Amino acid sequence: MGSAAVLLTVGPAASLAGGWVALDIRGAARALEHRAASDAELMAHARGDLGPARRVASAALYRFAGTVIALCGIVLPLSGLLELA
């Protein structure tokens, strides 16, 4: 019963968070892209590299990862329901 409750709780939360990024609601994927770019720039400056920072990840990559997380978030509650049966 304990693991089923965890799966039934974590699944919808993961699906909601992944869907938020996958559908780019309110620019979530773009914000993650800008944050990764600024972090890469700060790390380059900390190393003493004053050139342009290399691009780490694009918004399309974050949208793909959000899609995978949303789909896994759908599978988790289903496995929790199978455990209860």
N, C-alpha and C. Protein backbone atom coordinates (compact mmCIF):
# COMPACT_ATOMS: atom_id res chain seq x y z
N MET A 1 0.82 -1.19 0.00
CA MET A 1 0.00 0.00 0.00
C MET A 1 0.86 1.26 0.00
N GLY A 2 2.00 1.23 0.68
CA GLY A 2 2.84 2.41 0.80
C GLY A 2 3.43 2.87 -0.52
N SER A 3 3.96 1.93 -1.30
CA SER A 3 4.56 2.32 -2.57
C SER A 3 3.49 2.72 -3.59
N ALA A 4 2.30 2.12 -3.48
CA ALA A 4 1.21 2.51 -4.39
C ALA A 4 0.79 3.95 -4.13
N ALA A 5 0.76 4.36 -2.87
CA ALA A 5 0.40 5.74 -2.54
C ALA A 5 1.44 6.71 -3.07
N VAL A 6 2.70 6.32 -2.99
CA VAL A 6 3.77 7.18 -3.51
C VAL A 6 3.65 7.32 -5.02
N LEU A 7 3.42 6.20 -5.70
CA LEU A 7 3.29 6.24 -7.16
C LEU A 7 2.07 7.05 -7.59
N LEU A 8 0.97 6.93 -6.84
CA LEU A 8 -0.24 7.67 -7.18
C LEU A 8 -0.09 9.16 -6.88
N THR A 9 0.85 9.53 -6.05
CA THR A 9 1.08 10.94 -5.73
C THR A 9 2.14 11.56 -6.64
N VAL A 10 3.23 10.86 -6.85
CA VAL A 10 4.34 11.38 -7.63
C VAL A 10 4.00 11.43 -9.12
N GLY A 11 3.23 10.47 -9.59
CA GLY A 11 2.89 10.38 -11.01
C GLY A 11 2.21 11.63 -11.55
N PRO A 12 1.08 12.05 -10.96
CA PRO A 12 0.43 13.26 -11.48
C PRO A 12 1.30 14.52 -11.33
N ALA A 13 2.10 14.58 -10.27
CA ALA A 13 2.98 15.74 -10.11
C ALA A 13 4.03 15.79 -11.21
N ALA A 14 4.60 14.63 -11.54
CA ALA A 14 5.59 14.58 -12.63
C ALA A 14 4.94 14.87 -13.96
N SER A 15 3.74 14.36 -14.15
CA SER A 15 3.03 14.61 -15.40
C SER A 15 2.70 16.09 -15.57
N LEU A 16 2.30 16.72 -14.50
CA LEU A 16 1.99 18.15 -14.54
C LEU A 16 3.24 18.98 -14.82
N ALA A 17 4.32 18.69 -14.12
CA ALA A 17 5.56 19.46 -14.32
C ALA A 17 6.14 19.22 -15.72
N GLY A 18 6.14 17.97 -16.16
CA GLY A 18 6.65 17.68 -17.50
C GLY A 18 5.79 18.29 -18.58
N GLY A 19 4.48 18.25 -18.39
CA GLY A 19 3.57 18.86 -19.36
C GLY A 19 3.73 20.36 -19.42
N TRP A 20 4.01 20.97 -18.29
CA TRP A 20 4.21 22.42 -18.23
C TRP A 20 5.38 22.83 -19.11
N VAL A 21 6.48 22.07 -19.02
CA VAL A 21 7.66 22.38 -19.83
C VAL A 21 7.45 21.94 -21.28
N ALA A 22 6.83 20.77 -21.49
CA ALA A 22 6.64 20.25 -22.85
C ALA A 22 5.76 21.16 -23.68
N LEU A 23 4.73 21.72 -23.08
CA LEU A 23 3.83 22.62 -23.81
C LEU A 23 4.32 24.07 -23.78
N ASP A 24 5.43 24.32 -23.10
CA ASP A 24 6.04 25.64 -23.01
C ASP A 24 5.05 26.68 -22.48
N ILE A 25 4.35 26.31 -21.44
CA ILE A 25 3.38 27.21 -20.82
C ILE A 25 4.13 28.34 -20.12
N ARG A 26 3.75 29.56 -20.46
CA ARG A 26 4.35 30.79 -19.92
C ARG A 26 5.86 30.81 -20.14
N GLY A 27 6.33 30.18 -21.21
CA GLY A 27 7.75 30.24 -21.57
C GLY A 27 8.66 29.44 -20.67
N ALA A 28 8.18 28.32 -20.13
CA ALA A 28 8.98 27.53 -19.20
C ALA A 28 10.24 26.97 -19.87
N ALA A 29 10.11 26.47 -21.09
CA ALA A 29 11.28 25.90 -21.78
C ALA A 29 12.27 27.01 -22.14
N ARG A 30 11.77 28.15 -22.56
CA ARG A 30 12.66 29.27 -22.89
C ARG A 30 13.38 29.77 -21.64
N ALA A 31 12.69 29.79 -20.51
CA ALA A 31 13.33 30.23 -19.26
C ALA A 31 14.43 29.26 -18.85
N LEU A 32 14.18 27.96 -19.02
CA LEU A 32 15.23 26.98 -18.71
C LEU A 32 16.42 27.13 -19.64
N GLU A 33 16.16 27.44 -20.91
CA GLU A 33 17.24 27.65 -21.87
C GLU A 33 18.08 28.87 -21.48
N HIS A 34 17.43 29.96 -21.10
CA HIS A 34 18.16 31.17 -20.71
C HIS A 34 18.94 30.95 -19.42
N ARG A 35 18.35 30.19 -18.50
CA ARG A 35 19.05 29.92 -17.25
C ARG A 35 20.30 29.08 -17.50
N ALA A 36 20.19 28.07 -18.37
CA ALA A 36 21.36 27.25 -18.69
C ALA A 36 22.44 28.08 -19.37
N ALA A 37 22.03 29.00 -20.25
CA ALA A 37 23.01 29.85 -20.93
C ALA A 37 23.72 30.77 -19.94
N SER A 38 22.97 31.35 -19.01
CA SER A 38 23.60 32.25 -18.04
C SER A 38 24.50 31.48 -17.08
N ASP A 39 24.10 30.26 -16.71
CA ASP A 39 24.95 29.44 -15.85
C ASP A 39 26.25 29.07 -16.56
N ALA A 40 26.15 28.72 -17.85
CA ALA A 40 27.35 28.38 -18.61
C ALA A 40 28.27 29.59 -18.73
N GLU A 41 27.69 30.77 -18.91
CA GLU A 41 28.50 31.99 -19.00
C GLU A 41 29.19 32.29 -17.67
N LEU A 42 28.47 32.12 -16.57
CA LEU A 42 29.08 32.36 -15.25
C LEU A 42 30.20 31.36 -14.96
N MET A 43 30.00 30.12 -15.35
CA MET A 43 31.05 29.12 -15.14
C MET A 43 32.28 29.42 -16.00
N ALA A 44 32.06 29.91 -17.21
CA ALA A 44 33.19 30.26 -18.08
C ALA A 44 33.96 31.44 -17.50
N HIS A 45 33.24 32.43 -16.98
CA HIS A 45 33.91 33.58 -16.37
C HIS A 45 34.67 33.18 -15.12
N ALA A 46 34.13 32.22 -14.36
CA ALA A 46 34.82 31.76 -13.15
C ALA A 46 36.12 31.05 -13.50
N ARG A 47 36.15 30.37 -14.66
CA ARG A 47 37.38 29.70 -15.11
C ARG A 47 38.37 30.67 -15.72
N GLY A 48 37.94 31.89 -15.99
CA GLY A 48 38.82 32.87 -16.60
C GLY A 48 38.68 32.96 -18.10
N ASP A 49 37.74 32.24 -18.67
CA ASP A 49 37.49 32.28 -20.11
C ASP A 49 36.53 33.42 -20.39
N LEU A 50 37.02 34.46 -21.06
CA LEU A 50 36.20 35.65 -21.28
C LEU A 50 35.53 35.65 -22.65
N GLY A 51 35.66 34.58 -23.40
CA GLY A 51 35.01 34.48 -24.70
C GLY A 51 33.54 34.14 -24.53
N PRO A 52 32.86 33.99 -25.64
CA PRO A 52 31.43 33.64 -25.56
C PRO A 52 31.25 32.23 -25.01
N ALA A 53 30.25 32.06 -24.20
CA ALA A 53 29.98 30.75 -23.61
C ALA A 53 29.35 29.83 -24.66
N ARG A 54 29.69 28.55 -24.60
CA ARG A 54 29.10 27.62 -25.56
C ARG A 54 27.67 27.29 -25.14
N ARG A 55 26.86 27.02 -26.13
CA ARG A 55 25.45 26.74 -25.89
C ARG A 55 25.32 25.33 -25.33
N VAL A 56 24.62 25.21 -24.23
CA VAL A 56 24.51 23.92 -23.55
C VAL A 56 23.29 23.14 -24.04
N ALA A 57 22.12 23.74 -23.96
CA ALA A 57 20.89 23.05 -24.35
C ALA A 57 19.91 24.07 -24.92
N SER A 58 19.10 23.59 -25.85
CA SER A 58 18.11 24.47 -26.47
C SER A 58 16.75 24.24 -25.83
N ALA A 59 15.81 25.09 -26.17
CA ALA A 59 14.45 24.94 -25.65
C ALA A 59 13.81 23.67 -26.18
N ALA A 60 14.19 23.25 -27.39
CA ALA A 60 13.64 22.02 -27.95
C ALA A 60 14.06 20.80 -27.13
N LEU A 61 15.29 20.81 -26.62
CA LEU A 61 15.75 19.71 -25.78
C LEU A 61 14.95 19.67 -24.48
N TYR A 62 14.70 20.84 -23.88
CA TYR A 62 13.92 20.88 -22.66
C TYR A 62 12.47 20.46 -22.91
N ARG A 63 11.93 20.82 -24.07
CA ARG A 63 10.57 20.38 -24.40
C ARG A 63 10.51 18.87 -24.60
N PHE A 64 11.54 18.29 -25.21
CA PHE A 64 11.60 16.83 -25.37
C PHE A 64 11.70 16.15 -24.01
N ALA A 65 12.56 16.66 -23.15
CA ALA A 65 12.70 16.08 -21.81
C ALA A 65 11.40 16.21 -21.02
N GLY A 66 10.70 17.33 -21.18
CA GLY A 66 9.41 17.51 -20.52
C GLY A 66 8.38 16.52 -21.02
N THR A 67 8.43 16.21 -22.32
CA THR A 67 7.51 15.22 -22.88
C THR A 67 7.77 13.85 -22.30
N VAL A 68 9.04 13.48 -22.18
CA VAL A 68 9.40 12.18 -21.60
C VAL A 68 8.96 12.11 -20.14
N ILE A 69 9.17 13.16 -19.39
CA ILE A 69 8.77 13.18 -17.99
C ILE A 69 7.25 13.11 -17.85
N ALA A 70 6.53 13.81 -18.73
CA ALA A 70 5.07 13.77 -18.68
C ALA A 70 4.55 12.38 -18.99
N LEU A 71 5.15 11.70 -19.97
CA LEU A 71 4.71 10.34 -20.29
C LEU A 71 5.04 9.36 -19.16
N CYS A 72 6.18 9.53 -18.55
CA CYS A 72 6.52 8.69 -17.39
C CYS A 72 5.60 8.99 -16.22
N GLY A 73 5.17 10.24 -16.11
CA GLY A 73 4.23 10.61 -15.06
C GLY A 73 2.87 9.98 -15.26
N ILE A 74 2.52 9.62 -16.49
CA ILE A 74 1.26 8.91 -16.74
C ILE A 74 1.41 7.43 -16.38
N VAL A 75 2.59 6.88 -16.61
CA VAL A 75 2.83 5.46 -16.34
C VAL A 75 2.88 5.17 -14.84
N LEU A 76 3.40 6.08 -14.05
CA LEU A 76 3.54 5.85 -12.61
C LEU A 76 2.21 5.59 -11.91
N PRO A 77 1.17 6.40 -12.10
CA PRO A 77 -0.10 6.08 -11.43
C PRO A 77 -0.72 4.78 -11.93
N LEU A 78 -0.50 4.46 -13.20
CA LEU A 78 -1.03 3.19 -13.71
C LEU A 78 -0.37 2.01 -13.00
N SER A 79 0.92 2.09 -12.78
CA SER A 79 1.60 1.01 -12.05
C SER A 79 1.16 0.99 -10.59
N GLY A 80 0.86 2.16 -10.03
CA GLY A 80 0.35 2.20 -8.67
C GLY A 80 -1.02 1.56 -8.56
N LEU A 81 -1.87 1.78 -9.58
CA LEU A 81 -3.19 1.15 -9.58
C LEU A 81 -3.08 -0.35 -9.79
N LEU A 82 -2.12 -0.81 -10.59
CA LEU A 82 -1.92 -2.24 -10.76
C LEU A 82 -1.43 -2.90 -9.46
N GLU A 83 -0.67 -2.15 -8.70
CA GLU A 83 -0.18 -2.70 -7.43
C GLU A 83 -1.33 -2.84 -6.43
N LEU A 84 -2.30 -1.95 -6.48
CA LEU A 84 -3.43 -2.03 -5.57
C LEU A 84 -4.35 -3.20 -5.92
N ALA A 85 -4.40 -3.56 -7.20
CA ALA A 85 -5.32 -4.62 -7.64
C ALA A 85 -4.84 -5.99 -7.26
